Amino acid sequence: MSIDWNVVATIASPIVALFVGVGLNRIIENRPKVVSYLGHVSGIFLSKANPPVQVNTHSVVLRNAGGKTESNVRLGHNVLPDFQIYPDIEHEVKDLPGGQKEIVIPKLIPKKQITITYLYFPPLTWERVNTHLESDSGAIKVLNVLPTVQLPKWILRILWVLIGYGVIGVLYTLYEAYKWLS
């Protein structure tokens, strides 16, 4: 069986163009990209306190993964318990018309990551503290994260090349099957 290189080029060119386009988009486009995830949630029972008491805590991590400074990052709260921002960054707390509160961070520079840790007592729980996350660019993407080992970049590049070859191979096989059935 001989390979029809015109068909391979026809199938491969849009796929290669896709990868080149994505690469150029990442290089050329300079925009903020703020993401957030829940750092931890825990409750600590202080048995030596008189009387014994439980203290709840959770943290929200904000990261500007983009290449441009983000303005007016806003974290909404049904109830704003005691909190700390690390590393210390300029912020203000605003009262909202419905009785809620909002932490406003005027600027979040590129590649900057901050952690906001909250401390509160039952019956308040973490899911009843935070409401919205947004900035001047729109809603902030909330990630579900799991700790994982990161592969080296050279392995990831090899995997993407193999995926590209696999896609081209499958498309070529489908084309040959279609041609054979016709």
C-alpha atoms as a PDB file:
ATOM      1  CA  MET A   1       0.000   0.000   0.000  1.00  0.00           C
ATOM      2  CA  SER A   2       1.451   3.334  -1.059  1.00  0.00           C
ATOM      3  CA  ILE A   3       0.880   6.491   0.933  1.00  0.00           C
ATOM      4  CA  ASP A   4      -0.947   9.310  -0.812  1.00  0.00           C
ATOM      5  CA  TRP A   5       1.082  12.270   0.459  1.00  0.00           C
ATOM      6  CA  ASN A   6      -1.432  14.783  -0.887  1.00  0.00           C
ATOM      7  CA  VAL A   7      -4.072  13.319   1.421  1.00  0.00           C
ATOM      8  CA  VAL A   8      -1.647  13.284   4.364  1.00  0.00           C
ATOM      9  CA  ALA A   9      -0.798  16.961   3.728  1.00  0.00           C
ATOM     10  CA  THR A  10      -4.499  17.815   3.366  1.00  0.00           C
ATOM     11  CA  ILE A  11      -5.322  16.160   6.685  1.00  0.00           C
ATOM     12  CA  ALA A  12      -2.220  17.293   8.568  1.00  0.00           C
ATOM     13  CA  SER A  13      -2.179  20.957   7.521  1.00  0.00           C
ATOM     14  CA  PRO A  14      -5.253  22.057   9.582  1.00  0.00           C
ATOM     15  CA  ILE A  15      -3.954  20.151  12.612  1.00  0.00           C
ATOM     16  CA  VAL A  16      -0.506  21.718  12.334  1.00  0.00           C
ATOM     17  CA  ALA A  17      -2.129  25.127  11.778  1.00  0.00           C
ATOM     18  CA  LEU A  18      -4.172  24.620  14.963  1.00  0.00           C
ATOM     19  CA  PHE A  19      -1.064  23.974  17.050  1.00  0.00           C
ATOM     20  CA  VAL A  20       0.809  26.878  15.440  1.00  0.00           C
ATOM     21  CA  GLY A  21      -2.199  29.162  16.016  1.00  0.00           C
ATOM     22  CA  VAL A  22      -2.449  28.206  19.682  1.00  0.00           C
ATOM     23  CA  GLY A  23       1.274  28.779  20.117  1.00  0.00           C
ATOM     24  CA  LEU A  24       1.163  32.177  18.440  1.00  0.00           C
ATOM     25  CA  ASN A  25      -1.908  33.129  20.471  1.00  0.00           C
ATOM     26  CA  ARG A  26      -0.035  32.413  23.697  1.00  0.00           C
ATOM     27  CA  ILE A  27       2.986  34.402  22.542  1.00  0.00           C
ATOM     28  CA  ILE A  28       1.212  37.411  21.018  1.00  0.00           C
ATOM     29  CA  GLU A  29      -1.830  37.833  23.236  1.00  0.00           C
ATOM     30  CA  ASN A  30      -0.953  39.600  26.442  1.00  0.00           C
ATOM     31  CA  ARG A  31      -3.934  39.543  28.809  1.00  0.00           C
ATOM     32  CA  PRO A  32      -4.702  38.912  32.452  1.00  0.00           C
ATOM     33  CA  LYS A  33      -5.934  35.445  33.338  1.00  0.00           C
ATOM     34  CA  VAL A  34      -6.987  35.218  36.966  1.00  0.00           C
ATOM     35  CA  VAL A  35      -7.804  31.772  38.322  1.00  0.00           C
ATOM     36  CA  SER A  36      -8.823  30.694  41.795  1.00  0.00           C
ATOM     37  CA  TYR A  37      -8.977  27.522  43.821  1.00  0.00           C
ATOM     38  CA  LEU A  38      -9.776  26.444  47.342  1.00  0.00           C
ATOM     39  CA  GLY A  39      -6.488  26.031  49.225  1.00  0.00           C
ATOM     40  CA  HIS A  40      -7.749  24.122  52.237  1.00  0.00           C
ATOM     41  CA  VAL A  41     -10.785  23.643  54.449  1.00  0.00           C
ATOM     42  CA  SER A  42     -10.420  22.501  58.031  1.00  0.00           C
ATOM     43  CA  GLY A  43     -11.956  22.593  61.464  1.00  0.00           C
ATOM     44  CA  ILE A  44      -9.787  22.472  64.561  1.00  0.00           C
ATOM     45  CA  PHE A  45     -11.181  21.360  67.898  1.00  0.00           C
ATOM     46  CA  LEU A  46      -9.430  23.211  70.727  1.00  0.00           C
ATOM     47  CA  SER A  47      -9.816  20.705  73.562  1.00  0.00           C
ATOM     48  CA  LYS A  48      -7.596  22.619  76.005  1.00  0.00           C
ATOM     49  CA  ALA A  49      -9.724  25.766  75.793  1.00  0.00           C
ATOM     50  CA  ASN A  50     -12.183  26.381  78.580  1.00  0.00           C
ATOM     51  CA  PRO A  51     -14.820  25.569  77.399  1.00  0.00           C
ATOM     52  CA  PRO A  52     -13.609  23.435  74.436  1.00  0.00           C
ATOM     53  CA  VAL A  53     -14.376  25.119  71.126  1.00  0.00           C
ATOM     54  CA  GLN A  54     -14.098  24.426  67.409  1.00  0.00           C
ATOM     55  CA  VAL A  55     -12.446  26.889  65.026  1.00  0.00           C
ATOM     56  CA  ASN A  56     -13.062  26.618  61.266  1.00  0.00           C
ATOM     57  CA  THR A  57     -10.720  27.863  58.572  1.00  0.00           C
ATOM     58  CA  HIS A  58     -10.379  27.820  54.800  1.00  0.00           C
ATOM     59  CA  SER A  59      -8.320  29.613  52.201  1.00  0.00           C
ATOM     60  CA  VAL A  60      -8.938  30.910  48.703  1.00  0.00           C
ATOM     61  CA  VAL A  61      -5.936  31.184  46.373  1.00  0.00           C
ATOM     62  CA  LEU A  62      -5.961  33.766  43.561  1.00  0.00           C
ATOM     63  CA  ARG A  63      -3.371  33.724  40.785  1.00  0.00           C
ATOM     64  CA  ASN A  64      -2.894  35.976  37.790  1.00  0.00           C
ATOM     65  CA  ALA A  65      -1.522  33.420  35.318  1.00  0.00           C
ATOM     66  CA  GLY A  66      -1.662  35.924  32.447  1.00  0.00           C
ATOM     67  CA  GLY A  67       0.812  38.445  31.163  1.00  0.00           C
ATOM     68  CA  LYS A  68      -1.034  41.657  32.044  1.00  0.00           C
ATOM     69  CA  THR A  69      -2.043  43.273  35.338  1.00  0.00           C
ATOM     70  CA  GLU A  70      -5.646  42.602  36.372  1.00  0.00           C
ATOM     71  CA  SER A  71      -7.643  45.461  37.906  1.00  0.00           C
ATOM     72  CA  ASN A  72     -10.269  45.435  40.643  1.00  0.00           C
ATOM     73  CA  VAL A  73     -10.333  41.788  41.673  1.00  0.00           C
ATOM     74  CA  ARG A  74     -13.477  41.382  43.812  1.00  0.00           C
ATOM     75  CA  LEU A  75     -14.264  38.561  46.261  1.00  0.00           C
ATOM     76  CA  GLY A  76     -17.848  38.577  47.504  1.00  0.00           C
ATOM     77  CA  HIS A  77     -18.901  37.293  50.924  1.00  0.00           C
ATOM     78  CA  ASN A  78     -22.240  36.483  52.544  1.00  0.00           C
ATOM     79  CA  VAL A  79     -20.467  36.954  55.867  1.00  0.00           C
ATOM     80  CA  LEU A  80     -16.925  38.298  56.119  1.00  0.00           C
ATOM     81  CA  PRO A  81     -15.156  36.597  59.030  1.00  0.00           C
ATOM     82  CA  ASP A  82     -11.657  37.462  60.223  1.00  0.00           C
ATOM     83  CA  PHE A  83      -9.229  37.050  57.320  1.00  0.00           C
ATOM     84  CA  GLN A  84      -5.614  37.536  56.341  1.00  0.00           C
ATOM     85  CA  ILE A  85      -4.111  38.045  52.884  1.00  0.00           C
ATOM     86  CA  TYR A  86      -0.658  36.617  52.203  1.00  0.00           C
ATOM     87  CA  PRO A  87       1.550  38.079  50.951  1.00  0.00           C
ATOM     88  CA  ASP A  88       0.248  41.378  52.240  1.00  0.00           C
ATOM     89  CA  ILE A  89      -1.259  43.336  49.360  1.00  0.00           C
ATOM     90  CA  GLU A  90      -3.243  46.547  49.060  1.00  0.00           C
ATOM     91  CA  HIS A  91      -6.971  45.849  49.463  1.00  0.00           C
ATOM     92  CA  GLU A  92     -10.164  47.355  50.820  1.00  0.00           C
ATOM     93  CA  VAL A  93     -13.424  45.962  52.201  1.00  0.00           C
ATOM     94  CA  LYS A  94     -16.624  47.374  50.694  1.00  0.00           C
ATOM     95  CA  ASP A  95     -20.169  47.045  52.006  1.00  0.00           C
ATOM     96  CA  LEU A  96     -22.676  45.899  49.376  1.00  0.00           C
ATOM     97  CA  PRO A  97     -26.323  47.061  49.304  1.00  0.00           C
ATOM     98  CA  GLY A  98     -27.713  43.652  50.367  1.00  0.00           C
ATOM     99  CA  GLY A  99     -25.630  43.538  53.543  1.00  0.00           C
ATOM    100  CA  GLN A 100     -22.869  41.431  52.015  1.00  0.00           C
ATOM    101  CA  LYS A 101     -19.230  42.488  51.879  1.00  0.00           C
ATOM    102  CA  GLU A 102     -16.590  42.465  49.189  1.00  0.00           C
ATOM    103  CA  ILE A 103     -12.787  42.420  49.345  1.00  0.00           C
ATOM    104  CA  VAL A 104     -11.455  44.532  46.467  1.00  0.00           C
ATOM    105  CA  ILE A 105      -7.844  44.159  45.326  1.00  0.00           C
ATOM    106  CA  PRO A 106      -7.054  47.129  43.029  1.00  0.00           C
ATOM    107  CA  LYS A 107      -4.212  45.434  41.097  1.00  0.00           C
ATOM    108  CA  LEU A 108      -2.983  41.869  40.714  1.00  0.00           C
ATOM    109  CA  ILE A 109       0.253  41.847  38.730  1.00  0.00           C
ATOM    110  CA  PRO A 110       1.183  39.046  36.282  1.00  0.00           C
ATOM    111  CA  LYS A 111       2.323  35.736  37.818  1.00  0.00           C
ATOM    112  CA  LYS A 112       1.333  36.988  41.298  1.00  0.00           C
ATOM    113  CA  GLN A 113      -0.383  34.545  43.648  1.00  0.00           C
ATOM    114  CA  ILE A 114      -2.107  35.509  46.881  1.00  0.00           C
ATOM    115  CA  THR A 115      -3.837  33.453  49.551  1.00  0.00           C
ATOM    116  CA  ILE A 116      -6.793  34.727  51.569  1.00  0.00           C
ATOM    117  CA  THR A 117      -7.249  32.717  54.752  1.00  0.00           C
ATOM    118  CA  TYR A 118     -10.463  32.940  56.787  1.00  0.00           C
ATOM    119  CA  LEU A 119     -11.018  32.076  60.460  1.00  0.00           C
ATOM    120  CA  TYR A 120     -14.512  31.636  61.956  1.00  0.00           C
ATOM    121  CA  PHE A 121     -16.607  29.625  64.400  1.00  0.00           C
ATOM    122  CA  PRO A 122     -19.518  27.180  63.938  1.00  0.00           C
ATOM    123  CA  PRO A 123     -22.255  27.160  62.834  1.00  0.00           C
ATOM    124  CA  LEU A 124     -20.627  29.102  59.969  1.00  0.00           C
ATOM    125  CA  THR A 125     -19.055  26.799  57.346  1.00  0.00           C
ATOM    126  CA  TRP A 126     -16.816  27.574  54.371  1.00  0.00           C
ATOM    127  CA  GLU A 127     -19.497  27.175  51.685  1.00  0.00           C
ATOM    128  CA  ARG A 128     -21.579  29.910  53.345  1.00  0.00           C
ATOM    129  CA  VAL A 129     -18.746  32.482  53.423  1.00  0.00           C
ATOM    130  CA  ASN A 130     -17.754  33.207  49.801  1.00  0.00           C
ATOM    131  CA  THR A 131     -20.101  34.207  46.987  1.00  0.00           C
ATOM    132  CA  HIS A 132     -18.648  35.649  43.766  1.00  0.00           C
ATOM    133  CA  LEU A 133     -15.184  36.074  42.283  1.00  0.00           C
ATOM    134  CA  GLU A 134     -14.822  38.634  39.512  1.00  0.00           C
ATOM    135  CA  SER A 135     -12.620  41.355  38.098  1.00  0.00           C
ATOM    136  CA  ASP A 136     -12.779  44.084  35.474  1.00  0.00           C
ATOM    137  CA  SER A 137     -12.213  41.371  32.828  1.00  0.00           C
ATOM    138  CA  GLY A 138     -15.205  39.317  34.012  1.00  0.00           C
ATOM    139  CA  ALA A 139     -15.788  36.262  36.185  1.00  0.00           C
ATOM    140  CA  ILE A 140     -12.732  34.550  37.645  1.00  0.00           C
ATOM    141  CA  LYS A 141     -12.360  30.901  36.712  1.00  0.00           C
ATOM    142  CA  VAL A 142     -12.542  28.588  39.738  1.00  0.00           C
ATOM    143  CA  LEU A 143     -10.419  25.469  39.372  1.00  0.00           C
ATOM    144  CA  ASN A 144     -10.896  22.091  41.014  1.00  0.00           C
ATOM    145  CA  VAL A 145      -7.342  21.088  41.851  1.00  0.00           C
ATOM    146  CA  LEU A 146      -5.706  17.884  42.991  1.00  0.00           C
ATOM    147  CA  PRO A 147      -2.043  17.677  43.986  1.00  0.00           C
ATOM    148  CA  THR A 148      -0.169  15.885  41.188  1.00  0.00           C
ATOM    149  CA  VAL A 149       3.388  15.382  40.063  1.00  0.00           C
ATOM    150  CA  GLN A 150       4.243  17.668  37.154  1.00  0.00           C
ATOM    151  CA  LEU A 151       5.957  16.067  34.167  1.00  0.00           C
ATOM    152  CA  PRO A 152       9.028  17.772  32.700  1.00  0.00           C
ATOM    153  CA  LYS A 153       8.361  20.024  29.698  1.00  0.00           C
ATOM    154  CA  TRP A 154      10.360  17.815  27.321  1.00  0.00           C
ATOM    155  CA  ILE A 155       8.108  14.836  28.090  1.00  0.00           C
ATOM    156  CA  LEU A 156       5.003  16.953  27.541  1.00  0.00           C
ATOM    157  CA  ARG A 157       6.327  18.114  24.165  1.00  0.00           C
ATOM    158  CA  ILE A 158       7.012  14.526  23.108  1.00  0.00           C
ATOM    159  CA  LEU A 159       3.495  13.529  24.200  1.00  0.00           C
ATOM    160  CA  TRP A 160       1.929  16.350  22.138  1.00  0.00           C
ATOM    161  CA  VAL A 161       3.921  15.298  19.067  1.00  0.00           C
ATOM    162  CA  LEU A 162       2.765  11.695  19.546  1.00  0.00           C
ATOM    163  CA  ILE A 163      -0.845  12.849  19.946  1.00  0.00           C
ATOM    164  CA  GLY A 164      -0.524  14.834  16.702  1.00  0.00           C
ATOM    165  CA  TYR A 165       0.845  11.785  14.871  1.00  0.00           C
ATOM    166  CA  GLY A 166      -1.950   9.674  16.312  1.00  0.00           C
ATOM    167  CA  VAL A 167      -4.659  12.095  15.163  1.00  0.00           C
ATOM    168  CA  ILE A 168      -3.134  12.254  11.677  1.00  0.00           C
ATOM    169  CA  GLY A 169      -2.911   8.459  11.558  1.00  0.00           C
ATOM    170  CA  VAL A 170      -6.537   7.973  12.617  1.00  0.00           C
ATOM    171  CA  LEU A 171      -7.790  10.543  10.103  1.00  0.00           C
ATOM    172  CA  TYR A 172      -5.741   8.946   7.329  1.00  0.00           C
ATOM    173  CA  THR A 173      -7.079   5.489   8.262  1.00  0.00           C
ATOM    174  CA  LEU A 174     -10.651   6.805   8.184  1.00  0.00           C
ATOM    175  CA  TYR A 175     -10.001   8.383   4.793  1.00  0.00           C
ATOM    176  CA  GLU A 176      -8.576   5.134   3.408  1.00  0.00           C
ATOM    177  CA  ALA A 177     -11.539   3.153   4.823  1.00  0.00           C
ATOM    178  CA  TYR A 178     -13.970   5.614   3.242  1.00  0.00           C
ATOM    179  CA  LYS A 179     -12.113   5.396  -0.079  1.00  0.00           C
ATOM    180  CA  TRP A 180     -12.106   1.572   0.103  1.00  0.00           C
ATOM    181  CA  LEU A 181     -15.840   1.408   0.908  1.00  0.00           C
ATOM    182  CA  SER A 182     -16.778   3.847  -1.865  1.00  0.00           C
END
